[in-house]
Amino acid sequence: MSELPRLTADQFDALAELLRLRESSSREAARLVLVEGMSRADAQRATGMTGLQGVSNVLTRCRRGIELARRVVA
């Protein structure tokens, strides 16, 4: 699994809009990892998610969105 980049809050908001991530604990977990640099486990605990699988799923969506966006601007 490739390393996820750190994003600014504005970049994350744009990514979330692009991916149509609804306001949810998984979106907040992704923000905590990508913007705040929190670990997946800490983000899972901070958002009250019941397992790391949900965090991994949303981060996989984010990674794919970032990869596709890079192809567009390359």
Protein backbone atom coordinates (compact mmCIF):
# COMPACT_ATOMS: atom_id res chain seq x y z
CA MET A 1 0.00 0.00 0.00
CA SER A 2 1.53 3.30 -1.04
CA GLU A 3 2.06 6.11 1.42
CA LEU A 4 -0.76 8.63 1.57
CA PRO A 5 0.24 12.27 1.19
CA ARG A 6 -0.45 14.90 3.82
CA LEU A 7 -3.08 17.33 2.61
CA THR A 8 -4.07 20.83 3.58
CA ALA A 9 -7.60 21.31 4.89
CA ASP A 10 -8.59 22.91 1.56
CA GLN A 11 -7.14 20.00 -0.42
CA PHE A 12 -9.01 17.52 1.76
CA ASP A 13 -12.28 19.41 1.35
CA ALA A 14 -11.81 19.35 -2.44
CA LEU A 15 -11.01 15.62 -2.37
CA ALA A 16 -14.02 14.90 -0.18
CA GLU A 17 -16.26 16.83 -2.57
CA LEU A 18 -14.77 15.06 -5.58
CA LEU A 19 -15.33 11.66 -3.97
CA ARG A 20 -18.72 12.72 -2.57
CA LEU A 21 -17.73 11.77 0.96
CA ARG A 22 -20.67 12.57 3.20
CA GLU A 23 -20.22 14.05 6.65
CA SER A 24 -19.57 10.93 8.70
CA SER A 25 -17.17 9.35 11.14
CA SER A 26 -15.27 7.76 8.24
CA ARG A 27 -14.83 11.15 6.53
CA GLU A 28 -13.60 12.63 9.81
CA ALA A 29 -11.20 9.69 10.28
CA ALA A 30 -9.81 10.31 6.80
CA ARG A 31 -9.37 14.01 7.62
CA LEU A 32 -7.56 13.16 10.85
CA VAL A 33 -5.13 10.88 8.99
CA LEU A 34 -4.59 12.98 5.86
CA VAL A 35 -4.62 16.49 7.34
CA GLU A 36 -3.67 16.05 10.99
CA GLY A 37 -1.22 13.19 10.46
CA MET A 38 -2.93 10.96 13.01
CA SER A 39 -2.45 7.20 12.84
CA ARG A 40 -5.29 5.07 11.51
CA ALA A 41 -5.83 3.46 14.90
CA ASP A 42 -5.91 6.83 16.68
CA ALA A 43 -8.34 8.21 14.07
CA GLN A 44 -10.55 5.16 14.52
CA ARG A 45 -10.64 5.67 18.29
CA ALA A 46 -11.12 9.45 18.03
CA THR A 47 -14.15 9.06 15.78
CA GLY A 48 -15.70 6.16 17.65
CA MET A 49 -15.55 3.83 14.67
CA THR A 50 -15.80 0.18 15.66
CA GLY A 51 -12.90 -1.15 13.59
CA LEU A 52 -9.95 -0.24 11.41
CA GLN A 53 -11.59 -1.72 8.30
CA GLY A 54 -13.83 1.34 7.89
CA VAL A 55 -10.85 3.66 8.15
CA SER A 56 -8.91 1.56 5.65
CA ASN A 57 -11.85 1.57 3.24
CA VAL A 58 -12.22 5.36 3.19
CA LEU A 59 -8.46 5.84 2.88
CA THR A 60 -8.43 3.44 -0.08
CA ARG A 61 -11.10 5.61 -1.74
CA CYS A 62 -9.04 8.71 -1.00
CA ARG A 63 -5.84 7.14 -2.37
CA ARG A 64 -7.62 6.18 -5.59
CA GLY A 65 -9.11 9.67 -5.94
CA ILE A 66 -5.69 11.26 -5.49
CA GLU A 67 -4.15 8.89 -8.06
CA LEU A 68 -6.86 9.70 -10.60
CA ALA A 69 -6.55 13.45 -10.01
CA ARG A 70 -2.78 13.24 -10.56
CA ARG A 71 -3.38 11.51 -13.90
CA VAL A 72 -5.67 14.35 -14.96
CA VAL A 73 -3.10 17.08 -14.26
CA ALA A 74 0.00 15.14 -15.36
